[in-house]
């Protein structure tokens, strides 16, 4: 399909509304995707990074294009072209924002690691919005050939704290037989940025995808995360951590599809909310007919740090096989007042006590993050959201 045809597809699709089940709690009234300057020109910005880690390859992305500072030998770490055979194989144009991305993206990155290659240090890509009132359409394609092992850190940031912008991202991850990919996606946009993203992974026989999704910034939007367990013995683990305050509205829509027997998925999302913030998490486990011996788990836990914060959790199961183990859970709770009082009697002020509680609340999901610099950066970013006094 040509770009013109993809643009036509985007234009034909209606903007989602709260009448659509997956958008029931995220109202886009007043938002016009076409009101933003498309890929406005600007130098590639370098806002502060959440993580400080020694890397094997670095790419910086902005409205002006993509700059690759360095790339490891034997690995394709290069600008993505529209003709790649695996492009659009997982994220196509069947949804309004995915179709907008497919029609409009200009800057993308290909990460292709050959068979058996092990990259010891992570590959890092920074996507930075720098144009006031601008839009940035970003595309990432990750291909792990059989028995390869590597990590990719992807960070979204704004050039200034109050930048108003529209971000639309699409990420496709293909993990072939017996390969392992660690994929860390950190979203730290300004509070005036609308962010929409579709992330889709496909995990083949005896392969593993270890995924970390962290959300701190943006005003409103939706992030879709789908994992296809497509080969026997495939494993997927997704760890989510988010913190919303002010009037932020974060929406995560996750889907675990077990398509082959003896597959495992483990999704754990935790969030903390302050002020008038709102979050939505919708999770679905689907086990296809014949995908026996499936082991699937999903959970969402939310900690409310104010009485006006609100979180919606909607877990779901759709099981078409009969020899499976599928469980899910969702909880919502306020800060334990007795624990808060106890910490304050030990000399901590309220803000310090809340930081201790937040760290404890997130500790089990932080422990799932294998890369120590990322784990510590996430912990610091979560605690930093608590005001000093």
Protein backbone atom coordinates (compact mmCIF):
# COMPACT_ATOMS: atom_id res chain seq x y z
CA UNK A 1 0.00 0.00 0.00
CA UNK A 2 1.40 3.40 -0.96
CA UNK A 3 1.68 6.35 1.41
CA UNK A 4 -1.20 8.03 -0.39
CA UNK A 5 -3.35 4.95 0.15
CA UNK A 6 -2.33 4.81 3.82
CA UNK A 7 -3.24 8.47 4.19
CA UNK A 8 -6.62 7.71 2.66
CA UNK A 9 -7.05 4.90 5.14
CA UNK A 10 -6.26 7.28 8.02
CA UNK A 11 -8.71 9.88 6.73
CA UNK A 12 -11.47 7.27 6.36
CA UNK A 13 -11.17 6.07 9.96
CA UNK A 14 -13.13 8.06 12.56
CA UNK A 15 -11.42 9.58 15.58
CA UNK A 16 -12.05 7.20 18.51
CA UNK A 17 -14.73 8.26 20.98
CA UNK A 18 -15.89 7.12 24.40
CA UNK A 19 -18.51 5.03 22.60
CA UNK A 20 -15.67 2.72 21.53
CA UNK A 21 -15.01 0.15 24.25
CA UNK A 22 -11.23 0.59 24.27
CA UNK A 23 -11.60 4.37 24.53
CA UNK A 24 -14.42 4.42 27.06
CA UNK A 25 -12.33 6.19 29.71
CA UNK A 26 -10.19 8.39 27.42
CA UNK A 27 -12.08 11.27 25.85
CA UNK A 28 -10.40 12.87 22.83
CA UNK A 29 -13.03 15.58 22.46
CA UNK A 30 -11.36 18.77 21.22
CA UNK A 31 -8.23 16.99 19.95
CA UNK A 32 -7.48 17.22 16.23
CA UNK A 33 -4.47 15.19 15.00
CA UNK A 34 -4.23 17.40 11.91
CA UNK A 35 -4.04 20.68 13.83
CA UNK A 36 -0.32 20.19 14.52
CA UNK A 37 2.50 21.17 12.19
CA UNK A 38 3.60 17.93 10.55
CA UNK A 39 7.28 17.14 11.15
CA UNK A 40 8.21 20.79 11.66
CA UNK A 41 11.85 21.66 11.06
CA UNK A 42 14.10 21.96 14.09
CA UNK A 43 17.54 20.94 15.19
CA UNK A 44 17.68 17.66 17.06
CA UNK A 45 17.28 18.54 20.72
CA UNK A 46 19.15 17.04 23.66
CA UNK A 47 16.93 17.36 26.74
CA UNK A 48 18.15 15.77 29.98
CA UNK A 49 18.06 11.98 29.98
CA UNK A 50 16.47 9.80 32.64
CA UNK A 51 19.19 7.16 32.35
CA UNK A 52 22.96 7.26 32.42
CA UNK A 53 24.24 4.00 31.01
CA UNK A 54 27.23 2.90 28.93
CA UNK A 55 25.90 1.95 25.50
CA UNK A 56 27.05 0.23 22.31
CA UNK A 57 25.12 2.44 19.90
CA UNK A 58 23.42 5.86 20.07
CA UNK A 59 20.78 7.45 17.85
CA UNK A 60 19.12 10.85 18.33
CA UNK A 61 15.80 11.58 16.66
CA UNK A 62 13.95 14.86 16.18
CA UNK A 63 11.74 16.67 13.70
CA UNK A 64 14.84 17.37 11.56
CA UNK A 65 15.77 13.72 11.17
CA UNK A 66 17.91 11.05 12.80
CA UNK A 67 21.56 11.21 13.80
CA UNK A 68 23.47 8.02 14.60
CA UNK A 69 26.50 8.80 16.74
CA UNK A 70 27.86 5.27 16.73
CA UNK A 71 26.81 1.72 16.00
CA UNK A 72 28.32 -1.64 17.01
CA UNK A 73 30.14 -3.73 14.42
CA UNK A 74 28.10 -6.42 12.75
CA UNK A 75 24.74 -4.89 13.72
CA UNK A 76 22.39 -2.88 11.52
CA UNK A 77 21.67 0.21 13.58
CA UNK A 78 20.59 2.57 10.84
CA UNK A 79 17.77 4.72 9.44
CA UNK A 80 14.69 2.70 8.58
CA UNK A 81 13.45 2.68 4.98
CA UNK A 82 9.85 2.31 3.89
CA UNK A 83 10.57 -0.80 1.85
CA UNK A 84 11.72 -3.15 4.63
CA UNK A 85 10.00 -6.53 4.31
CA UNK A 86 8.98 -6.69 7.99
CA UNK A 87 7.75 -3.12 8.21
CA UNK A 88 3.97 -2.93 8.96
CA UNK A 89 3.90 -6.68 9.65
CA UNK A 90 2.82 -6.03 13.27
CA UNK A 91 1.64 -2.40 13.36
CA UNK A 92 -0.27 -1.61 10.19
CA UNK A 93 -3.06 0.87 9.51
CA UNK A 94 -6.20 -0.71 10.97
CA UNK A 95 -6.52 1.87 13.76
CA UNK A 96 -6.75 5.67 13.48
CA UNK A 97 -3.43 6.60 15.09
CA UNK A 98 -1.51 3.66 13.64
CA UNK A 99 -2.77 4.66 10.20
CA UNK A 100 -1.70 8.26 10.82
CA UNK A 101 1.78 7.03 11.68
CA UNK A 102 1.95 4.74 8.65
CA UNK A 103 1.01 7.63 6.37
CA UNK A 104 3.17 10.37 7.89
CA UNK A 105 6.35 8.95 9.44
CA UNK A 106 9.64 10.12 7.98
CA UNK A 107 12.19 9.27 10.65
CA UNK A 108 12.66 5.72 11.87
CA UNK A 109 15.34 3.35 13.08
CA UNK A 110 16.15 -0.24 12.16
CA UNK A 111 17.83 -2.41 14.79
CA UNK A 112 18.75 -5.74 13.20
CA UNK A 113 21.03 -8.14 15.07
CA UNK A 114 22.27 -11.18 13.09
CA UNK A 115 22.06 -14.81 14.14
CA UNK A 116 24.00 -15.69 17.27
CA UNK A 117 25.35 -12.16 17.86
CA UNK A 118 25.43 -11.02 21.49
CA UNK A 119 25.63 -7.26 22.09
CA UNK A 120 26.85 -6.80 25.64
CA UNK A 121 25.92 -3.13 26.06
CA UNK A 122 22.49 -1.62 25.30
CA UNK A 123 21.60 0.22 22.12
CA UNK A 124 20.09 3.62 22.89
CA UNK A 125 17.73 5.87 20.94
CA UNK A 126 16.40 9.26 22.06
CA UNK A 127 13.27 10.76 20.48
CA UNK A 128 12.94 14.49 21.24
CA UNK A 129 10.09 16.85 20.41
CA UNK A 130 11.40 20.38 19.96
CA UNK A 131 8.83 22.28 17.85
CA UNK A 132 6.09 24.18 19.67
CA UNK A 133 2.80 23.05 18.16
CA UNK A 134 4.59 20.42 16.09
CA UNK A 135 4.08 16.71 15.54
CA UNK A 136 6.63 13.93 15.51
CA UNK A 137 5.89 10.60 13.85
CA UNK A 138 8.38 7.94 14.92
CA UNK A 139 8.91 4.36 13.77
CA UNK A 140 11.16 1.65 15.25
CA UNK A 141 11.70 -1.84 13.86
CA UNK A 142 13.67 -4.34 15.94
CA UNK A 143 14.67 -7.70 14.42
CA UNK A 144 16.47 -10.31 16.51
CA UNK A 145 17.68 -13.22 14.43
CA UNK A 146 17.83 -16.69 16.04
CA UNK A 147 20.00 -17.01 19.16
CA UNK A 148 20.94 -13.31 19.27
CA UNK A 149 20.84 -11.34 22.54
CA UNK A 150 20.71 -7.58 23.05
CA UNK A 151 18.94 -4.67 24.76
CA UNK A 152 17.36 -1.51 23.32
CA UNK A 153 16.58 1.59 25.39
CA UNK A 154 14.12 4.01 23.80
CA UNK A 155 13.49 7.36 25.51
CA UNK A 156 10.88 9.98 24.59
CA UNK A 157 11.50 13.53 25.83
CA UNK A 158 10.58 17.18 25.18
CA UNK A 159 13.10 19.94 24.56
CA UNK A 160 11.35 22.20 27.11
CA UNK A 161 9.12 21.39 30.10
CA UNK A 162 6.07 23.22 28.70
CA UNK A 163 6.32 22.25 25.02
CA UNK A 164 2.94 21.65 23.40
CA UNK A 165 3.17 18.88 20.78
CA UNK A 166 1.70 15.72 19.26
CA UNK A 167 3.69 12.47 19.35
CA UNK A 168 2.76 9.37 17.38
CA UNK A 169 4.98 6.28 17.63
CA UNK A 170 4.90 2.76 16.20
CA UNK A 171 7.28 0.03 17.36
CA UNK A 172 7.55 -3.49 15.91
CA UNK A 173 9.70 -6.14 17.59
CA UNK A 174 10.40 -9.50 15.93
CA UNK A 175 12.17 -12.00 18.21
CA UNK A 176 13.11 -15.09 16.25
CA UNK A 177 13.85 -18.61 17.55
CA UNK A 178 15.84 -18.78 20.83
CA UNK A 179 16.71 -15.07 20.75
CA UNK A 180 16.36 -12.70 23.70
CA UNK A 181 15.53 -9.00 23.52
CA UNK A 182 15.32 -6.53 26.38
CA UNK A 183 13.28 -3.52 25.29
CA UNK A 184 12.99 -0.51 27.60
CA UNK A 185 10.62 2.31 26.58
CA UNK A 186 10.73 5.45 28.76
CA UNK A 187 8.17 8.20 28.13
CA UNK A 188 9.01 11.53 29.77
CA UNK A 189 7.34 14.10 27.52
CA UNK A 190 6.17 17.53 28.69
CA UNK A 191 2.77 17.82 30.38
CA UNK A 192 1.46 19.57 27.26
CA UNK A 193 2.21 16.74 24.82
CA UNK A 194 -0.36 14.32 23.44
CA UNK A 195 1.25 10.91 23.05
CA UNK A 196 -0.14 7.94 21.14
CA UNK A 197 1.84 4.76 20.53
CA UNK A 198 1.39 1.23 19.23
CA UNK A 199 4.02 -1.29 20.38
CA UNK A 200 3.73 -4.84 19.07
CA UNK A 201 6.10 -7.76 19.61
CA UNK A 202 6.16 -11.23 18.08
CA UNK A 203 8.06 -13.94 19.96
CA UNK A 204 8.97 -17.16 18.16
CA UNK A 205 9.99 -20.64 19.36
CA UNK A 206 11.93 -20.66 22.68
CA UNK A 207 12.57 -16.90 22.35
CA UNK A 208 12.20 -14.29 25.07
CA UNK A 209 11.07 -10.67 25.11
CA UNK A 210 11.69 -8.77 28.35
CA UNK A 211 9.88 -5.46 28.12
CA UNK A 212 9.87 -2.40 30.41
CA UNK A 213 7.36 0.42 29.84
CA UNK A 214 7.61 3.55 31.98
CA UNK A 215 5.33 6.58 31.76
CA UNK A 216 6.00 9.88 33.52
CA UNK A 217 5.12 12.64 31.06
CA UNK A 218 2.49 13.71 28.51
CA UNK A 219 -0.91 15.28 28.98
CA UNK A 220 -3.13 12.63 27.46
CA UNK A 221 -3.14 9.80 24.96
CA UNK A 222 -2.98 6.03 24.75
CA UNK A 223 -0.20 3.44 24.60
CA UNK A 224 -0.99 0.03 23.13
CA UNK A 225 1.23 -2.92 24.01
CA UNK A 226 0.70 -6.28 22.33
CA UNK A 227 2.77 -9.44 22.59
CA UNK A 228 2.18 -12.43 20.31
CA UNK A 229 3.54 -15.68 21.74
CA UNK A 230 3.81 -17.25 18.30
CA UNK A 231 6.16 -20.22 18.81
CA UNK A 232 6.24 -23.10 21.29
CA UNK A 233 8.23 -22.20 24.40
CA UNK A 234 8.02 -18.44 23.76
CA UNK A 235 8.21 -16.18 26.82
CA UNK A 236 7.20 -12.55 27.25
CA UNK A 237 7.51 -10.42 30.36
CA UNK A 238 6.24 -6.83 30.49
CA UNK A 239 6.91 -4.57 33.45
CA UNK A 240 5.05 -1.26 33.60
CA UNK A 241 5.60 1.67 35.99
CA UNK A 242 3.90 5.05 35.74
CA UNK A 243 3.30 8.16 37.84
CA UNK A 244 0.68 10.76 37.04
CA UNK A 245 -0.06 14.07 38.76
CA UNK A 246 -1.74 17.39 38.04
CA UNK A 247 -4.34 16.73 35.35
CA UNK A 248 -2.39 14.04 33.49
CA UNK A 249 -4.33 11.20 31.89
CA UNK A 250 -2.33 8.04 31.07
CA UNK A 251 -3.99 5.13 29.25
CA UNK A 252 -2.37 1.70 28.75
CA UNK A 253 -4.01 -1.01 26.65
CA UNK A 254 -2.20 -4.36 26.86
CA UNK A 255 -2.83 -7.61 25.00
CA UNK A 256 -1.17 -10.99 25.51
CA UNK A 257 -1.99 -13.41 22.69
CA UNK A 258 -0.93 -17.02 23.15
CA UNK A 259 -0.86 -18.58 19.71
CA UNK A 260 1.30 -21.68 20.34
CA UNK A 261 1.53 -24.32 23.08
CA UNK A 262 3.79 -24.12 26.15
CA UNK A 263 4.09 -20.33 26.11
CA UNK A 264 4.45 -17.98 29.07
CA UNK A 265 3.50 -14.33 29.56
CA UNK A 266 3.83 -12.20 32.68
CA UNK A 267 2.49 -8.62 32.73
CA UNK A 268 2.84 -6.47 35.87
CA UNK A 269 1.84 -2.80 35.82
CA UNK A 270 1.96 -0.45 38.80
CA UNK A 271 1.08 3.20 39.00
CA UNK A 272 0.95 6.05 41.51
CA UNK A 273 -1.36 9.03 41.15
CA UNK A 274 -1.54 12.47 42.75
CA UNK A 275 -3.74 15.57 42.50
CA UNK A 276 -6.47 15.20 39.81
CA UNK A 277 -4.60 12.70 37.68
CA UNK A 278 -6.33 9.79 36.01
CA UNK A 279 -5.01 6.50 34.64
CA UNK A 280 -6.55 3.68 32.67
CA UNK A 281 -5.23 0.15 32.27
CA UNK A 282 -7.02 -2.43 30.16
CA UNK A 283 -5.42 -5.85 29.93
CA UNK A 284 -6.49 -8.87 27.92
CA UNK A 285 -5.09 -12.40 27.86
CA UNK A 286 -6.22 -14.43 24.85
CA UNK A 287 -5.36 -18.10 24.50
CA UNK A 288 -5.98 -19.50 21.04
CA UNK A 289 -7.43 -22.93 20.42
CA UNK A 290 -4.58 -25.43 20.53
CA UNK A 291 -2.30 -23.22 22.66
CA UNK A 292 -2.25 -25.81 25.45
CA UNK A 293 0.08 -25.56 28.46
CA UNK A 294 -0.19 -21.76 28.39
CA UNK A 295 0.91 -19.97 31.55
CA UNK A 296 -0.28 -16.35 31.62
CA UNK A 297 -0.49 -13.72 34.34
CA UNK A 298 -1.41 -10.05 34.43
CA UNK A 299 -1.82 -7.56 37.25
CA UNK A 300 -2.39 -3.86 37.72
CA UNK A 301 -1.92 -2.11 41.09
CA UNK A 302 -2.55 1.57 41.70
CA UNK A 303 -1.60 3.75 44.66
CA UNK A 304 -3.68 6.91 45.15
CA UNK A 305 -1.81 9.74 46.87
CA UNK A 306 -4.80 12.10 46.85
CA UNK A 307 -8.56 11.76 47.19
CA UNK A 308 -9.17 13.34 43.78
CA UNK A 309 -6.95 10.98 41.77
CA UNK A 310 -8.74 8.19 39.88
CA UNK A 311 -7.66 4.91 38.27
CA UNK A 312 -9.61 2.44 36.13
CA UNK A 313 -8.42 -1.18 35.79
CA UNK A 314 -10.11 -3.59 33.38
CA UNK A 315 -8.50 -7.06 33.25
CA UNK A 316 -9.89 -9.70 30.91
CA UNK A 317 -9.46 -13.31 29.83
CA UNK A 318 -10.46 -15.05 26.59
CA UNK A 319 -9.49 -18.72 26.70
CA UNK A 320 -10.14 -21.14 23.86
CA UNK A 321 -7.93 -23.99 25.15
CA UNK A 322 -8.60 -26.26 28.13
CA UNK A 323 -5.16 -27.04 29.59
CA UNK A 324 -3.96 -23.61 30.69
CA UNK A 325 -3.08 -21.56 33.75
CA UNK A 326 -4.27 -17.96 33.45
CA UNK A 327 -4.65 -15.53 36.35
CA UNK A 328 -5.14 -11.81 36.73
CA UNK A 329 -5.58 -9.19 39.42
CA UNK A 330 -6.24 -5.50 39.90
CA UNK A 331 -6.16 -3.38 43.06
CA UNK A 332 -6.68 0.25 43.95
CA UNK A 333 -5.87 1.83 47.29
CA UNK A 334 -5.02 4.96 49.22
CA UNK A 335 -1.82 5.47 51.18
CA UNK A 336 -1.94 3.56 54.46
CA UNK A 337 -2.51 6.32 57.03
CA UNK A 338 -1.05 4.26 59.88
CA UNK A 339 2.13 3.61 57.92
CA UNK A 340 2.36 7.29 56.99
CA UNK A 341 1.91 8.29 60.64
CA UNK A 342 4.50 5.75 61.78
CA UNK A 343 7.12 7.07 59.35
CA UNK A 344 6.42 10.66 60.39
CA UNK A 345 6.86 9.76 64.06
CA UNK A 346 10.34 8.56 63.10
CA UNK A 347 11.34 12.06 62.04
CA UNK A 348 10.32 12.13 58.37
CA UNK A 349 8.15 14.91 57.02
CA UNK A 350 5.10 13.99 54.96
CA UNK A 351 6.86 14.25 51.58
CA UNK A 352 9.78 12.10 52.77
CA UNK A 353 7.37 9.53 54.20
CA UNK A 354 5.42 9.41 50.94
CA UNK A 355 8.65 8.85 48.99
CA UNK A 356 9.48 5.87 51.20
CA UNK A 357 5.99 4.46 50.67
CA UNK A 358 6.16 4.98 46.90
CA UNK A 359 9.56 3.26 46.72
CA UNK A 360 8.20 0.31 48.67
CA UNK A 361 5.08 0.13 46.51
CA UNK A 362 7.12 -0.06 43.28
CA UNK A 363 9.97 -2.19 44.60
CA UNK A 364 8.72 -5.52 43.28
CA UNK A 365 8.29 -4.19 39.73
CA UNK A 366 11.65 -2.40 39.93
CA UNK A 367 13.26 -5.70 40.90
CA UNK A 368 12.05 -7.13 37.56
CA UNK A 369 14.21 -4.66 35.60
CA UNK A 370 17.45 -6.45 34.71
CA UNK A 371 19.57 -3.41 33.76
CA UNK A 372 20.69 -1.80 37.03
CA UNK A 373 21.13 1.78 35.65
CA UNK A 374 17.59 1.64 34.28
CA UNK A 375 16.25 0.22 37.52
CA UNK A 376 17.85 3.00 39.59
CA UNK A 377 16.78 5.70 37.12
CA UNK A 378 13.17 4.54 37.32
CA UNK A 379 13.25 4.52 41.11
CA UNK A 380 14.70 8.04 41.19
CA UNK A 381 12.16 9.33 38.66
CA UNK A 382 9.26 7.87 40.64
CA UNK A 383 10.43 9.32 43.95
CA UNK A 384 11.15 12.71 42.34
CA UNK A 385 7.45 13.12 41.56
CA UNK A 386 6.74 13.62 45.27
CA UNK A 387 7.04 17.34 46.16
CA UNK A 388 9.83 18.21 48.60
CA UNK A 389 7.40 19.58 51.16
